[in-house]
Amino acid sequence: MPDTVAVRVYLEDGHKDHPALPLDSRAWAAGERTLVKALRPVFREHLGLDRSCSFTQSYWIAGRSAG
């Protein structure tokens, strides 16, 4: 990730006494295609999440026009 790109990370710990908070982890990512593709194996291999616990969406491809 380039230093010029702002990144926000939100972490939430589930609490067993709160019925609305899931205790398992989930991940969501959206952005440029190459970056999003690089995150998918991180979610699976590093974080141990299966596909049902993560979502990724590419919105553009670097160097290509959207038209």
N, C-alpha and C. Protein backbone atom coordinates (compact mmCIF):
# COMPACT_ATOMS: atom_id res chain seq x y z
N MET A 1 0.85 -1.15 0.00
CA MET A 1 0.00 0.00 0.00
C MET A 1 0.90 1.23 0.00
N PRO A 2 0.73 2.13 -0.96
CA PRO A 2 1.54 3.35 -0.98
C PRO A 2 1.29 4.20 0.26
N ASP A 3 2.31 4.93 0.70
CA ASP A 3 2.18 5.80 1.87
C ASP A 3 1.14 6.90 1.66
N THR A 4 0.83 7.23 0.43
CA THR A 4 -0.12 8.30 0.14
C THR A 4 -1.57 7.88 0.25
N VAL A 5 -1.82 6.59 0.46
CA VAL A 5 -3.19 6.08 0.55
C VAL A 5 -3.58 5.94 2.02
N ALA A 6 -4.68 6.58 2.38
CA ALA A 6 -5.16 6.49 3.76
C ALA A 6 -5.79 5.12 4.00
N VAL A 7 -5.46 4.52 5.12
CA VAL A 7 -6.00 3.21 5.47
C VAL A 7 -6.63 3.31 6.85
N ARG A 8 -7.83 2.80 6.96
CA ARG A 8 -8.49 2.74 8.27
C ARG A 8 -8.73 1.28 8.60
N VAL A 9 -8.39 0.90 9.79
CA VAL A 9 -8.59 -0.47 10.24
C VAL A 9 -9.51 -0.42 11.44
N TYR A 10 -10.58 -1.16 11.37
CA TYR A 10 -11.53 -1.22 12.47
C TYR A 10 -11.53 -2.64 13.02
N LEU A 11 -11.29 -2.78 14.28
CA LEU A 11 -11.31 -4.09 14.93
C LEU A 11 -12.39 -4.08 16.00
N GLU A 12 -13.12 -5.14 16.06
CA GLU A 12 -14.15 -5.24 17.08
C GLU A 12 -14.05 -6.61 17.73
N ASP A 13 -13.97 -6.62 19.04
CA ASP A 13 -13.96 -7.88 19.77
C ASP A 13 -15.38 -8.22 20.18
N GLY A 14 -15.81 -9.41 19.83
CA GLY A 14 -17.12 -9.87 20.26
C GLY A 14 -17.09 -10.16 21.75
N HIS A 15 -18.19 -9.95 22.39
CA HIS A 15 -18.30 -10.24 23.82
C HIS A 15 -19.39 -11.28 23.99
N LYS A 16 -19.08 -12.36 24.68
CA LYS A 16 -20.00 -13.49 24.78
C LYS A 16 -21.35 -13.13 25.39
N ASP A 17 -21.42 -12.06 26.17
CA ASP A 17 -22.67 -11.66 26.80
C ASP A 17 -23.55 -10.80 25.90
N HIS A 18 -23.07 -10.39 24.76
CA HIS A 18 -23.84 -9.55 23.85
C HIS A 18 -24.37 -10.42 22.72
N PRO A 19 -25.69 -10.65 22.66
CA PRO A 19 -26.25 -11.60 21.69
C PRO A 19 -26.13 -11.16 20.23
N ALA A 20 -25.97 -9.87 19.97
CA ALA A 20 -25.92 -9.39 18.59
C ALA A 20 -24.52 -9.40 18.00
N LEU A 21 -23.49 -9.63 18.80
CA LEU A 21 -22.12 -9.59 18.29
C LEU A 21 -21.62 -11.00 18.00
N PRO A 22 -21.24 -11.26 16.74
CA PRO A 22 -20.67 -12.57 16.43
C PRO A 22 -19.27 -12.70 17.02
N LEU A 23 -18.92 -13.88 17.46
CA LEU A 23 -17.61 -14.09 18.05
C LEU A 23 -16.58 -14.53 17.02
N ASP A 24 -16.99 -14.78 15.78
CA ASP A 24 -16.04 -15.16 14.76
C ASP A 24 -15.60 -13.93 13.96
N SER A 25 -14.53 -14.06 13.23
CA SER A 25 -13.98 -12.93 12.47
C SER A 25 -14.56 -12.87 11.07
N ARG A 26 -14.64 -11.66 10.56
CA ARG A 26 -15.08 -11.43 9.19
C ARG A 26 -14.18 -10.36 8.59
N ALA A 27 -14.05 -10.38 7.27
CA ALA A 27 -13.22 -9.39 6.59
C ALA A 27 -13.96 -8.89 5.36
N TRP A 28 -13.77 -7.60 5.05
CA TRP A 28 -14.38 -6.96 3.90
C TRP A 28 -13.33 -6.05 3.28
N ALA A 29 -13.19 -6.09 1.97
CA ALA A 29 -12.23 -5.22 1.28
C ALA A 29 -12.79 -4.83 -0.08
N ALA A 30 -12.54 -3.58 -0.46
CA ALA A 30 -12.94 -3.09 -1.77
C ALA A 30 -11.89 -2.10 -2.24
N GLY A 31 -11.66 -2.07 -3.55
CA GLY A 31 -10.69 -1.12 -4.07
C GLY A 31 -10.14 -1.54 -5.42
N GLU A 32 -8.92 -1.15 -5.69
CA GLU A 32 -8.25 -1.44 -6.95
C GLU A 32 -8.03 -2.94 -7.09
N ARG A 33 -8.17 -3.46 -8.29
CA ARG A 33 -8.19 -4.91 -8.54
C ARG A 33 -6.95 -5.64 -8.01
N THR A 34 -5.76 -5.14 -8.29
CA THR A 34 -4.54 -5.83 -7.87
C THR A 34 -4.44 -5.92 -6.36
N LEU A 35 -4.80 -4.84 -5.68
CA LEU A 35 -4.77 -4.83 -4.21
C LEU A 35 -5.77 -5.83 -3.64
N VAL A 36 -6.97 -5.82 -4.18
CA VAL A 36 -8.01 -6.73 -3.68
C VAL A 36 -7.62 -8.19 -3.92
N LYS A 37 -7.06 -8.49 -5.10
CA LYS A 37 -6.61 -9.86 -5.38
C LYS A 37 -5.53 -10.29 -4.39
N ALA A 38 -4.66 -9.38 -4.00
CA ALA A 38 -3.59 -9.71 -3.05
C ALA A 38 -4.14 -9.97 -1.65
N LEU A 39 -5.28 -9.39 -1.32
CA LEU A 39 -5.86 -9.58 0.02
C LEU A 39 -6.56 -10.92 0.18
N ARG A 40 -7.08 -11.48 -0.89
CA ARG A 40 -7.82 -12.75 -0.78
C ARG A 40 -7.01 -13.85 -0.12
N PRO A 41 -5.76 -14.13 -0.55
CA PRO A 41 -5.00 -15.17 0.14
C PRO A 41 -4.62 -14.80 1.57
N VAL A 42 -4.51 -13.51 1.86
CA VAL A 42 -4.24 -13.09 3.24
C VAL A 42 -5.42 -13.47 4.12
N PHE A 43 -6.62 -13.22 3.64
CA PHE A 43 -7.82 -13.58 4.41
C PHE A 43 -7.87 -15.09 4.66
N ARG A 44 -7.58 -15.87 3.61
CA ARG A 44 -7.67 -17.33 3.73
C ARG A 44 -6.50 -17.92 4.51
N GLU A 45 -5.28 -17.62 4.07
CA GLU A 45 -4.10 -18.30 4.60
C GLU A 45 -3.58 -17.70 5.91
N HIS A 46 -3.55 -16.39 6.00
CA HIS A 46 -3.00 -15.75 7.20
C HIS A 46 -4.04 -15.65 8.31
N LEU A 47 -5.25 -15.24 7.94
CA LEU A 47 -6.30 -15.07 8.95
C LEU A 47 -7.13 -16.32 9.17
N GLY A 48 -7.03 -17.29 8.25
CA GLY A 48 -7.76 -18.53 8.41
C GLY A 48 -9.26 -18.42 8.16
N LEU A 49 -9.68 -17.42 7.40
CA LEU A 49 -11.11 -17.23 7.11
C LEU A 49 -11.51 -18.02 5.88
N ASP A 50 -12.66 -18.67 5.92
CA ASP A 50 -13.12 -19.28 4.68
C ASP A 50 -13.95 -18.26 3.91
N ARG A 51 -14.31 -18.61 2.69
CA ARG A 51 -14.96 -17.64 1.80
C ARG A 51 -16.27 -17.10 2.36
N SER A 52 -16.95 -17.86 3.17
CA SER A 52 -18.23 -17.40 3.72
C SER A 52 -18.04 -16.29 4.76
N CYS A 53 -16.82 -16.08 5.22
CA CYS A 53 -16.54 -15.07 6.24
C CYS A 53 -15.80 -13.86 5.69
N SER A 54 -15.67 -13.78 4.37
CA SER A 54 -14.98 -12.63 3.80
C SER A 54 -15.67 -12.20 2.51
N PHE A 55 -15.49 -10.92 2.18
CA PHE A 55 -16.06 -10.38 0.94
C PHE A 55 -15.03 -9.44 0.34
N THR A 56 -14.78 -9.57 -0.95
CA THR A 56 -13.90 -8.64 -1.66
C THR A 56 -14.60 -8.17 -2.92
N GLN A 57 -14.35 -6.92 -3.29
CA GLN A 57 -14.95 -6.35 -4.50
C GLN A 57 -13.95 -5.40 -5.14
N SER A 58 -13.62 -5.64 -6.40
CA SER A 58 -12.76 -4.72 -7.15
C SER A 58 -13.64 -3.66 -7.80
N TYR A 59 -13.19 -2.40 -7.73
CA TYR A 59 -13.97 -1.32 -8.32
C TYR A 59 -13.30 -0.70 -9.53
N TRP A 60 -11.97 -0.88 -9.68
CA TRP A 60 -11.29 -0.35 -10.84
C TRP A 60 -9.98 -1.10 -11.04
N ILE A 61 -9.39 -0.89 -12.22
CA ILE A 61 -8.09 -1.49 -12.54
C ILE A 61 -7.13 -0.34 -12.80
N ALA A 62 -6.03 -0.31 -12.09
CA ALA A 62 -5.04 0.76 -12.23
C ALA A 62 -4.57 0.85 -13.68
N GLY A 63 -4.54 2.06 -14.21
CA GLY A 63 -4.05 2.27 -15.57
C GLY A 63 -5.08 2.13 -16.66
N ARG A 64 -6.30 1.77 -16.32
CA ARG A 64 -7.36 1.63 -17.32
C ARG A 64 -8.43 2.68 -17.09
N SER A 65 -8.95 3.19 -18.20
CA SER A 65 -10.06 4.14 -18.06
C SER A 65 -11.34 3.37 -17.77
N ALA A 66 -12.26 4.04 -17.12
CA ALA A 66 -13.51 3.39 -16.72
C ALA A 66 -14.54 3.39 -17.84
N GLY A 67 -14.29 4.08 -18.91
CA GLY A 67 -15.28 4.22 -19.96
C GLY A 67 -15.20 3.16 -20.96
